[in-house]
């Protein structure tokens, strides 16, 4: 798998990403997230939600919770 997923989308599927939006928010980790990250509950972290769209404005990628 390439390091750049957008290159994979273009070469493997003919999909060109033209826009991406990110929202970043400071949070404290709940018990489940802390366990997954190997951190203590209540640790400060950044939560990032990202969506990417193609030429027709279709949602191609969503990274988030």
PDB file of N, CA and C in Angstrom:
ATOM      1  N   UNK A   1       0.850  -1.179   0.000  1.00  0.00           N
ATOM      2  CA  UNK A   1       0.000   0.000   0.000  1.00  0.00           C
ATOM      3  C   UNK A   1       0.893   1.238   0.000  1.00  0.00           C
ATOM      4  N   UNK A   2       0.622   2.200  -0.870  1.00  0.00           N
ATOM      5  CA  UNK A   2       1.444   3.412  -0.913  1.00  0.00           C
ATOM      6  C   UNK A   2       1.271   4.264   0.336  1.00  0.00           C
ATOM      7  N   UNK A   3       2.279   5.094   0.585  1.00  0.00           N
ATOM      8  CA  UNK A   3       2.245   6.005   1.724  1.00  0.00           C
ATOM      9  C   UNK A   3       1.189   7.092   1.529  1.00  0.00           C
ATOM     10  N   UNK A   4       0.862   7.391   0.283  1.00  0.00           N
ATOM     11  CA  UNK A   4      -0.109   8.431  -0.042  1.00  0.00           C
ATOM     12  C   UNK A   4      -1.398   7.771  -0.551  1.00  0.00           C
ATOM     13  N   UNK A   5      -2.447   7.694   0.277  1.00  0.00           N
ATOM     14  CA  UNK A   5      -3.664   7.021  -0.177  1.00  0.00           C
ATOM     15  C   UNK A   5      -4.315   7.703  -1.379  1.00  0.00           C
ATOM     16  N   UNK A   6      -4.122   9.017  -1.534  1.00  0.00           N
ATOM     17  CA  UNK A   6      -4.740   9.704  -2.664  1.00  0.00           C
ATOM     18  C   UNK A   6      -4.126   9.259  -3.984  1.00  0.00           C
ATOM     19  N   UNK A   7      -2.841   8.911  -3.986  1.00  0.00           N
ATOM     20  CA  UNK A   7      -2.212   8.360  -5.192  1.00  0.00           C
ATOM     21  C   UNK A   7      -2.827   6.993  -5.507  1.00  0.00           C
ATOM     22  N   UNK A   8      -3.105   6.196  -4.478  1.00  0.00           N
ATOM     23  CA  UNK A   8      -3.759   4.903  -4.665  1.00  0.00           C
ATOM     24  C   UNK A   8      -5.165   5.095  -5.237  1.00  0.00           C
ATOM     25  N   UNK A   9      -5.926   6.032  -4.688  1.00  0.00           N
ATOM     26  CA  UNK A   9      -7.271   6.280  -5.198  1.00  0.00           C
ATOM     27  C   UNK A   9      -7.227   6.643  -6.681  1.00  0.00           C
ATOM     28  N   UNK A  10      -6.264   7.487  -7.059  1.00  0.00           N
ATOM     29  CA  UNK A  10      -6.152   7.938  -8.453  1.00  0.00           C
ATOM     30  C   UNK A  10      -5.695   6.812  -9.373  1.00  0.00           C
ATOM     31  N   UNK A  11      -4.617   6.123  -9.012  1.00  0.00           N
ATOM     32  CA  UNK A  11      -4.067   5.098  -9.905  1.00  0.00           C
ATOM     33  C   UNK A  11      -4.881   3.809  -9.895  1.00  0.00           C
ATOM     34  N   UNK A  12      -5.395   3.434  -8.744  1.00  0.00           N
ATOM     35  CA  UNK A  12      -6.115   2.170  -8.639  1.00  0.00           C
ATOM     36  C   UNK A  12      -7.594   2.245  -8.964  1.00  0.00           C
ATOM     37  N   UNK A  13      -8.190   3.425  -8.736  1.00  0.00           N
ATOM     38  CA  UNK A  13      -9.640   3.526  -8.883  1.00  0.00           C
ATOM     39  C   UNK A  13     -10.093   4.682  -9.772  1.00  0.00           C
ATOM     40  N   UNK A  14      -9.143   5.489 -10.258  1.00  0.00           N
ATOM     41  CA  UNK A  14      -9.494   6.621 -11.121  1.00  0.00           C
ATOM     42  C   UNK A  14     -10.219   7.739 -10.401  1.00  0.00           C
ATOM     43  N   UNK A  15     -10.033   7.833  -9.084  1.00  0.00           N
ATOM     44  CA  UNK A  15     -10.708   8.854  -8.269  1.00  0.00           C
ATOM     45  C   UNK A  15      -9.708   9.938  -7.901  1.00  0.00           C
ATOM     46  N   UNK A  16     -10.044  11.179  -8.231  1.00  0.00           N
ATOM     47  CA  UNK A  16      -9.166  12.301  -7.900  1.00  0.00           C
ATOM     48  C   UNK A  16      -9.767  13.108  -6.757  1.00  0.00           C
ATOM     49  N   UNK A  17      -9.021  13.217  -5.679  1.00  0.00           N
ATOM     50  CA  UNK A  17      -9.451  14.019  -4.531  1.00  0.00           C
ATOM     51  C   UNK A  17      -9.132  15.481  -4.836  1.00  0.00           C
ATOM     52  N   UNK A  18     -10.131  16.332  -4.696  1.00  0.00           N
ATOM     53  CA  UNK A  18      -9.923  17.752  -4.977  1.00  0.00           C
ATOM     54  C   UNK A  18     -10.088  18.634  -3.747  1.00  0.00           C
ATOM     55  N   UNK A  19     -10.689  18.069  -2.679  1.00  0.00           N
ATOM     56  CA  UNK A  19     -10.892  18.901  -1.487  1.00  0.00           C
ATOM     57  C   UNK A  19     -10.924  18.020  -0.262  1.00  0.00           C
ATOM     58  N   UNK A  20     -10.291  18.496   0.787  1.00  0.00           N
ATOM     59  CA  UNK A  20     -10.337  17.803   2.076  1.00  0.00           C
ATOM     60  C   UNK A  20     -10.543  18.852   3.163  1.00  0.00           C
ATOM     61  N   UNK A  21     -11.322  18.475   4.157  1.00  0.00           N
ATOM     62  CA  UNK A  21     -11.593  19.364   5.287  1.00  0.00           C
ATOM     63  C   UNK A  21     -11.258  18.623   6.571  1.00  0.00           C
ATOM     64  N   UNK A  22     -10.619  19.324   7.503  1.00  0.00           N
ATOM     65  CA  UNK A  22     -10.284  18.739   8.799  1.00  0.00           C
ATOM     66  C   UNK A  22     -10.812  19.610   9.918  1.00  0.00           C
ATOM     67  N   UNK A  23     -11.238  18.953  10.969  1.00  0.00           N
ATOM     68  CA  UNK A  23     -11.607  19.631  12.209  1.00  0.00           C
ATOM     69  C   UNK A  23     -10.771  19.002  13.303  1.00  0.00           C
ATOM     70  N   UNK A  24     -10.115  19.845  14.070  1.00  0.00           N
ATOM     71  CA  UNK A  24      -9.252  19.371  15.151  1.00  0.00           C
ATOM     72  C   UNK A  24      -9.781  19.941  16.463  1.00  0.00           C
ATOM     73  N   UNK A  25      -9.889  19.063  17.453  1.00  0.00           N
ATOM     74  CA  UNK A  25     -10.460  19.485  18.731  1.00  0.00           C
ATOM     75  C   UNK A  25      -9.645  18.867  19.867  1.00  0.00           C
ATOM     76  N   UNK A  26      -9.385  19.648  20.900  1.00  0.00           N
ATOM     77  CA  UNK A  26      -8.709  19.136  22.089  1.00  0.00           C
ATOM     78  C   UNK A  26      -9.726  18.377  22.937  1.00  0.00           C
ATOM     79  N   UNK A  27      -9.341  17.179  23.367  1.00  0.00           N
ATOM     80  CA  UNK A  27     -10.231  16.334  24.168  1.00  0.00           C
ATOM     81  C   UNK A  27      -9.431  15.676  25.280  1.00  0.00           C
ATOM     82  N   UNK A  28     -10.129  15.045  26.210  1.00  0.00           N
ATOM     83  CA  UNK A  28      -9.480  14.158  27.176  1.00  0.00           C
ATOM     84  C   UNK A  28      -9.928  12.741  26.843  1.00  0.00           C
ATOM     85  N   UNK A  29      -9.018  11.802  26.967  1.00  0.00           N
ATOM     86  CA  UNK A  29      -9.299  10.427  26.576  1.00  0.00           C
ATOM     87  C   UNK A  29     -10.255   9.749  27.548  1.00  0.00           C
ATOM     88  N   UNK A  30     -11.258   9.078  26.978  1.00  0.00           N
ATOM     89  CA  UNK A  30     -12.122   8.242  27.805  1.00  0.00           C
ATOM     90  C   UNK A  30     -11.406   6.912  28.021  1.00  0.00           C
ATOM     91  N   UNK A  31     -11.997   6.027  28.792  1.00  0.00           N
ATOM     92  CA  UNK A  31     -11.330   4.769  29.148  1.00  0.00           C
ATOM     93  C   UNK A  31     -10.998   3.927  27.915  1.00  0.00           C
ATOM     94  N   UNK A  32     -11.928   3.818  26.969  1.00  0.00           N
ATOM     95  CA  UNK A  32     -11.707   3.000  25.776  1.00  0.00           C
ATOM     96  C   UNK A  32     -10.583   3.554  24.905  1.00  0.00           C
ATOM     97  N   UNK A  33     -10.630   4.853  24.622  1.00  0.00           N
ATOM     98  CA  UNK A  33      -9.596   5.476  23.792  1.00  0.00           C
ATOM     99  C   UNK A  33      -8.232   5.414  24.476  1.00  0.00           C
ATOM    100  N   UNK A  34      -8.211   5.635  25.779  1.00  0.00           N
ATOM    101  CA  UNK A  34      -6.951   5.576  26.521  1.00  0.00           C
ATOM    102  C   UNK A  34      -6.335   4.185  26.433  1.00  0.00           C
ATOM    103  N   UNK A  35      -7.154   3.158  26.569  1.00  0.00           N
ATOM    104  CA  UNK A  35      -6.656   1.787  26.486  1.00  0.00           C
ATOM    105  C   UNK A  35      -6.072   1.507  25.102  1.00  0.00           C
ATOM    106  N   UNK A  36      -6.769   1.926  24.065  1.00  0.00           N
ATOM    107  CA  UNK A  36      -6.297   1.708  22.684  1.00  0.00           C
ATOM    108  C   UNK A  36      -4.972   2.409  22.407  1.00  0.00           C
ATOM    109  N   UNK A  37      -4.783   3.563  23.034  1.00  0.00           N
ATOM    110  CA  UNK A  37      -3.569   4.352  22.806  1.00  0.00           C
ATOM    111  C   UNK A  37      -2.471   4.070  23.830  1.00  0.00           C
ATOM    112  N   UNK A  38      -2.772   3.251  24.812  1.00  0.00           N
ATOM    113  CA  UNK A  38      -1.787   2.956  25.835  1.00  0.00           C
ATOM    114  C   UNK A  38      -1.498   4.150  26.729  1.00  0.00           C
ATOM    115  N   UNK A  39      -2.535   4.917  27.005  1.00  0.00           N
ATOM    116  CA  UNK A  39      -2.392   6.121  27.829  1.00  0.00           C
ATOM    117  C   UNK A  39      -3.359   6.035  29.009  1.00  0.00           C
ATOM    118  N   UNK A  40      -3.238   6.986  29.904  1.00  0.00           N
ATOM    119  CA  UNK A  40      -4.133   7.026  31.062  1.00  0.00           C
ATOM    120  C   UNK A  40      -5.440   7.724  30.702  1.00  0.00           C
ATOM    121  N   UNK A  41      -6.529   7.254  31.307  1.00  0.00           N
ATOM    122  CA  UNK A  41      -7.812   7.926  31.144  1.00  0.00           C
ATOM    123  C   UNK A  41      -7.664   9.379  31.582  1.00  0.00           C
ATOM    124  N   UNK A  42      -8.237  10.305  30.820  1.00  0.00           N
ATOM    125  CA  UNK A  42      -8.159  11.727  31.145  1.00  0.00           C
ATOM    126  C   UNK A  42      -6.979  12.441  30.523  1.00  0.00           C
ATOM    127  N   UNK A  43      -6.094  11.701  29.841  1.00  0.00           N
ATOM    128  CA  UNK A  43      -4.944  12.318  29.162  1.00  0.00           C
ATOM    129  C   UNK A  43      -5.435  13.243  28.046  1.00  0.00           C
ATOM    130  N   UNK A  44      -4.795  14.386  27.887  1.00  0.00           N
ATOM    131  CA  UNK A  44      -5.140  15.320  26.815  1.00  0.00           C
ATOM    132  C   UNK A  44      -4.711  14.738  25.467  1.00  0.00           C
ATOM    133  N   UNK A  45      -5.558  14.941  24.457  1.00  0.00           N
ATOM    134  CA  UNK A  45      -5.269  14.439  23.117  1.00  0.00           C
ATOM    135  C   UNK A  45      -5.948  15.339  22.089  1.00  0.00           C
ATOM    136  N   UNK A  46      -5.600  15.152  20.824  1.00  0.00           N
ATOM    137  CA  UNK A  46      -6.267  15.859  19.739  1.00  0.00           C
ATOM    138  C   UNK A  46      -7.144  14.875  18.984  1.00  0.00           C
ATOM    139  N   UNK A  47      -8.368  15.280  18.743  1.00  0.00           N
ATOM    140  CA  UNK A  47      -9.309  14.481  17.952  1.00  0.00           C
ATOM    141  C   UNK A  47      -9.391  15.122  16.574  1.00  0.00           C
ATOM    142  N   UNK A  48      -9.143  14.348  15.536  1.00  0.00           N
ATOM    143  CA  UNK A  48      -9.134  14.874  14.172  1.00  0.00           C
ATOM    144  C   UNK A  48     -10.208  14.157  13.364  1.00  0.00           C
ATOM    145  N   UNK A  49     -11.104  14.930  12.785  1.00  0.00           N
ATOM    146  CA  UNK A  49     -12.095  14.413  11.852  1.00  0.00           C
ATOM    147  C   UNK A  49     -11.751  14.990  10.479  1.00  0.00           C
ATOM    148  N   UNK A  50     -11.708  14.122   9.453  1.00  0.00           N
ATOM    149  CA  UNK A  50     -11.321  14.563   8.116  1.00  0.00           C
ATOM    150  C   UNK A  50     -12.241  13.926   7.091  1.00  0.00           C
ATOM    151  N   UNK A  51     -12.685  14.727   6.127  1.00  0.00           N
ATOM    152  CA  UNK A  51     -13.432  14.217   4.987  1.00  0.00           C
ATOM    153  C   UNK A  51     -12.747  14.700   3.712  1.00  0.00           C
ATOM    154  N   UNK A  52     -12.752  13.839   2.688  1.00  0.00           N
ATOM    155  CA  UNK A  52     -12.175  14.190   1.395  1.00  0.00           C
ATOM    156  C   UNK A  52     -13.211  13.909   0.320  1.00  0.00           C
ATOM    157  N   UNK A  53     -13.259  14.780  -0.675  1.00  0.00           N
ATOM    158  CA  UNK A  53     -14.254  14.675  -1.745  1.00  0.00           C
ATOM    159  C   UNK A  53     -13.591  14.668  -3.117  1.00  0.00           C
ATOM    160  N   UNK A  54     -14.298  14.076  -4.080  1.00  0.00           N
ATOM    161  CA  UNK A  54     -13.779  13.999  -5.440  1.00  0.00           C
ATOM    162  C   UNK A  54     -14.312  15.150  -6.300  1.00  0.00           C
ATOM    163  N   UNK A  55     -14.066  15.070  -7.611  1.00  0.00           N
ATOM    164  CA  UNK A  55     -14.477  16.132  -8.538  1.00  0.00           C
ATOM    165  C   UNK A  55     -15.987  16.366  -8.547  1.00  0.00           C
ATOM    166  N   UNK A  56     -16.767  15.309  -8.315  1.00  0.00           N
ATOM    167  CA  UNK A  56     -18.231  15.439  -8.286  1.00  0.00           C
ATOM    168  C   UNK A  56     -18.767  15.738  -6.888  1.00  0.00           C
ATOM    169  N   UNK A  57     -17.884  16.085  -5.982  1.00  0.00           N
ATOM    170  CA  UNK A  57     -18.225  16.415  -4.596  1.00  0.00           C
ATOM    171  C   UNK A  57     -18.724  15.207  -3.806  1.00  0.00           C
ATOM    172  N   UNK A  58     -18.407  13.989  -4.286  1.00  0.00           N
ATOM    173  CA  UNK A  58     -18.775  12.779  -3.545  1.00  0.00           C
ATOM    174  C   UNK A  58     -17.799  12.568  -2.396  1.00  0.00           C
ATOM    175  N   UNK A  59     -18.330  12.119  -1.283  1.00  0.00           N
ATOM    176  CA  UNK A  59     -17.501  11.794  -0.124  1.00  0.00           C
ATOM    177  C   UNK A  59     -16.727  10.513  -0.430  1.00  0.00           C
ATOM    178  N   UNK A  60     -15.395  10.599  -0.424  1.00  0.00           N
ATOM    179  CA  UNK A  60     -14.529   9.468  -0.756  1.00  0.00           C
ATOM    180  C   UNK A  60     -13.860   8.919   0.495  1.00  0.00           C
ATOM    181  N   UNK A  61     -13.545   9.777   1.417  1.00  0.00           N
ATOM    182  CA  UNK A  61     -12.815   9.351   2.599  1.00  0.00           C
ATOM    183  C   UNK A  61     -13.358  10.046   3.838  1.00  0.00           C
ATOM    184  N   UNK A  62     -13.482   9.296   4.918  1.00  0.00           N
ATOM    185  CA  UNK A  62     -13.823   9.870   6.213  1.00  0.00           C
ATOM    186  C   UNK A  62     -12.924   9.233   7.252  1.00  0.00           C
ATOM    187  N   UNK A  63     -12.179  10.061   7.941  1.00  0.00           N
ATOM    188  CA  UNK A  63     -11.358   9.609   9.055  1.00  0.00           C
ATOM    189  C   UNK A  63     -11.867  10.315  10.293  1.00  0.00           C
ATOM    190  N   UNK A  64     -12.235   9.567  11.259  1.00  0.00           N
ATOM    191  CA  UNK A  64     -12.754  10.172  12.479  1.00  0.00           C
ATOM    192  C   UNK A  64     -12.981   9.129  13.539  1.00  0.00           C
ATOM    193  N   UNK A  65     -13.785   9.463  14.466  1.00  0.00           N
ATOM    194  CA  UNK A  65     -14.023   8.572  15.585  1.00  0.00           C
ATOM    195  C   UNK A  65     -14.699   7.318  15.176  1.00  0.00           C
TER     196      UNK A  65
END
